Amino acid sequence: MSTAQGSSNKLDDKRLYIGNLDSAIDEYTVVKLFEPYGKITHLDYLFHKSGPKRGQPRGYCFLEFSKKEEALKAMTAMHSKVIKNRSMIVTFAYAASENCDSKSIGGLKKRSSTAASNRPTTISLLKSHQMVNVSTDAKIQALERKLAQMKQ
């Protein structure tokens, strides 16, 4: 069972969640901010697909480095860095939900249902290309981690 978890982390430890981005921050800016830390292999920059904000950035993205050491270095250097008067949230993609729960704006703590709408769910991460070739045990462990977080 520990080998399945190890393979899950092997896939996840190069992929970062970058949140609380100002709408003026585009893909090019994200790449320029993070490329000093290593080779970027993939960027998922998300936009609203419908509604009044259609076409506007969602305020978060996923960035993947070629090595976990590069991702860790970028996360350490960029987490809480203020860009356009916003403190960026940079964490491993698989841990995004546990690190974003205590996010507050203007001194008021956001309700978890509101905060949850701005970050990926475990199911969406499982469906992403990162988890397609992962064993069933690894997917179950990801869901169990999410359930444990929800109980707290």
Protein backbone atom coordinates (compact mmCIF):
# COMPACT_ATOMS: atom_id res chain seq x y z
CA MET A 1 0.00 0.00 0.00
CA SER A 2 2.85 2.40 0.69
CA THR A 3 4.16 1.87 -2.86
CA ALA A 4 0.89 3.12 -4.31
CA GLN A 5 1.16 6.26 -2.22
CA GLY A 6 4.76 6.70 -3.33
CA SER A 7 3.74 6.49 -6.98
CA SER A 8 0.98 9.01 -6.37
CA ASN A 9 3.40 11.48 -4.81
CA LYS A 10 5.87 10.84 -7.61
CA LEU A 11 3.31 12.20 -10.07
CA ASP A 12 2.03 15.03 -7.87
CA ASP A 13 5.25 16.45 -6.47
CA LYS A 14 6.17 18.36 -9.64
CA ARG A 15 2.75 19.99 -10.12
CA LEU A 16 1.97 23.22 -8.28
CA TYR A 17 -1.30 25.01 -7.57
CA ILE A 18 -0.94 28.78 -7.87
CA GLY A 19 -3.88 30.68 -6.45
CA ASN A 20 -5.16 34.12 -5.48
CA LEU A 21 -3.94 35.59 -8.75
CA ASP A 22 -5.06 39.04 -9.84
CA SER A 23 -7.06 39.06 -13.08
CA ALA A 24 -4.27 41.13 -14.68
CA ILE A 25 -1.84 38.22 -14.32
CA ASP A 26 -1.75 36.27 -17.58
CA GLU A 27 -0.05 33.03 -18.66
CA TYR A 28 3.08 34.82 -19.84
CA THR A 29 3.47 36.56 -16.48
CA VAL A 30 3.09 33.28 -14.57
CA VAL A 31 5.74 31.62 -16.74
CA LYS A 32 8.13 34.57 -16.32
CA LEU A 33 7.62 34.57 -12.54
CA PHE A 34 8.32 30.84 -12.16
CA GLU A 35 10.86 30.00 -14.89
CA PRO A 36 13.89 31.07 -12.81
CA TYR A 37 13.22 28.04 -10.57
CA GLY A 38 13.43 25.36 -13.26
CA LYS A 39 12.10 23.96 -16.50
CA ILE A 40 8.33 24.38 -16.78
CA THR A 41 6.82 21.42 -18.60
CA HIS A 42 3.11 22.28 -18.44
CA LEU A 43 0.81 25.19 -17.55
CA ASP A 44 -2.94 24.91 -17.03
CA TYR A 45 -4.28 28.46 -16.85
CA LEU A 46 -8.01 28.44 -16.18
CA PHE A 47 -10.70 30.79 -17.47
CA HIS A 48 -14.40 31.14 -16.75
CA LYS A 49 -16.29 29.28 -19.47
CA SER A 50 -19.72 30.77 -18.89
CA GLY A 51 -21.61 33.42 -16.99
CA PRO A 52 -20.85 37.11 -16.58
CA LYS A 53 -17.12 36.47 -16.14
CA ARG A 54 -16.83 34.36 -19.31
CA GLY A 55 -13.34 34.58 -20.78
CA GLN A 56 -11.83 36.12 -17.63
CA PRO A 57 -9.16 34.32 -15.61
CA ARG A 58 -10.40 32.19 -12.68
CA GLY A 59 -7.60 33.41 -10.41
CA TYR A 60 -5.63 30.18 -10.22
CA CYS A 61 -3.60 27.84 -12.39
CA PHE A 62 -1.51 24.70 -12.29
CA LEU A 63 2.16 24.69 -13.20
CA GLU A 64 4.32 21.62 -13.63
CA PHE A 65 8.10 21.49 -13.42
CA SER A 66 10.39 18.80 -14.83
CA LYS A 67 11.78 17.93 -11.37
CA LYS A 68 10.28 17.89 -7.89
CA GLU A 69 13.27 19.85 -6.54
CA GLU A 70 12.45 22.70 -8.95
CA ALA A 71 8.80 22.68 -7.88
CA LEU A 72 9.78 22.74 -4.21
CA LYS A 73 12.21 25.60 -4.79
CA ALA A 74 9.54 27.60 -6.64
CA MET A 75 6.93 26.89 -3.98
CA THR A 76 9.27 27.96 -1.18
CA ALA A 77 10.28 31.17 -2.93
CA MET A 78 6.90 32.22 -4.31
CA HIS A 79 4.35 31.23 -1.64
CA SER A 80 2.90 34.38 -0.02
CA LYS A 81 4.76 36.63 -2.46
CA VAL A 82 2.68 39.74 -3.16
CA ILE A 83 1.94 40.35 -6.83
CA LYS A 84 -0.49 43.15 -7.81
CA ASN A 85 -1.47 43.65 -4.14
CA ARG A 86 -2.38 39.96 -3.71
CA SER A 87 -0.50 37.35 -1.74
CA MET A 88 -0.05 34.32 -3.99
CA ILE A 89 -0.84 30.86 -2.72
CA VAL A 90 1.65 28.35 -4.07
CA THR A 91 1.43 24.74 -2.96
CA PHE A 92 1.56 21.25 -4.37
CA ALA A 93 -1.55 20.60 -6.45
CA TYR A 94 -2.54 17.54 -4.42
CA ALA A 95 -2.41 19.64 -1.20
CA ALA A 96 -4.16 22.74 -2.53
CA SER A 97 -7.41 22.20 -0.64
CA GLU A 98 -5.81 21.80 2.79
CA ASN A 99 -3.65 24.93 2.39
CA CYS A 100 -6.41 27.20 1.10
CA ASP A 101 -9.03 26.59 3.82
CA SER A 102 -7.75 29.34 6.11
CA LYS A 103 -7.60 31.97 3.37
CA SER A 104 -9.01 35.28 4.52
CA ILE A 105 -9.78 38.48 2.70
CA GLY A 106 -10.06 41.82 4.45
CA GLY A 107 -9.76 40.17 7.84
CA LEU A 108 -12.88 38.06 7.30
CA LYS A 109 -12.47 34.35 6.95
CA LYS A 110 -14.15 33.00 3.83
CA ARG A 111 -16.68 30.24 4.30
CA SER A 112 -15.36 26.92 3.10
CA SER A 113 -18.11 26.58 0.47
CA THR A 114 -17.02 29.89 -1.10
CA ALA A 115 -13.34 29.03 -0.84
CA ALA A 116 -13.98 25.59 -2.33
CA SER A 117 -15.44 27.10 -5.49
CA ASN A 118 -12.11 28.75 -6.32
CA ARG A 119 -9.89 25.69 -6.05
CA PRO A 120 -9.73 22.26 -7.57
CA THR A 121 -11.55 19.33 -6.06
CA THR A 122 -10.03 15.92 -5.56
CA ILE A 123 -12.32 14.57 -8.27
CA SER A 124 -11.13 17.18 -10.78
CA LEU A 125 -7.52 16.34 -9.92
CA LEU A 126 -8.26 12.64 -10.39
CA LYS A 127 -9.76 13.35 -13.80
CA SER A 128 -6.84 15.53 -14.87
CA HIS A 129 -4.15 14.07 -17.09
CA GLN A 130 -1.90 13.66 -14.05
CA MET A 131 -4.02 10.87 -12.56
CA VAL A 132 -5.05 9.00 -15.72
CA ASN A 133 -2.37 6.31 -15.53
CA VAL A 134 -2.31 6.09 -11.74
CA SER A 135 -3.33 2.91 -9.97
CA THR A 136 -6.75 2.54 -8.40
CA ASP A 137 -5.10 2.39 -4.96
CA ALA A 138 -3.50 5.79 -5.51
CA LYS A 139 -6.85 7.28 -6.55
CA ILE A 140 -8.52 5.80 -3.47
CA GLN A 141 -5.81 7.25 -1.24
CA ALA A 142 -6.34 10.70 -2.80
CA LEU A 143 -10.05 10.47 -2.07
CA GLU A 144 -9.37 9.26 1.49
CA ARG A 145 -7.08 12.27 2.07
CA LYS A 146 -9.85 14.57 0.87
CA LEU A 147 -12.41 12.89 3.15
CA ALA A 148 -10.06 13.22 6.12
CA GLN A 149 -9.70 16.95 5.39
CA MET A 150 -13.45 17.36 5.20
CA LYS A 151 -13.91 15.71 8.62
CA GLN A 152 -11.61 18.31 10.21
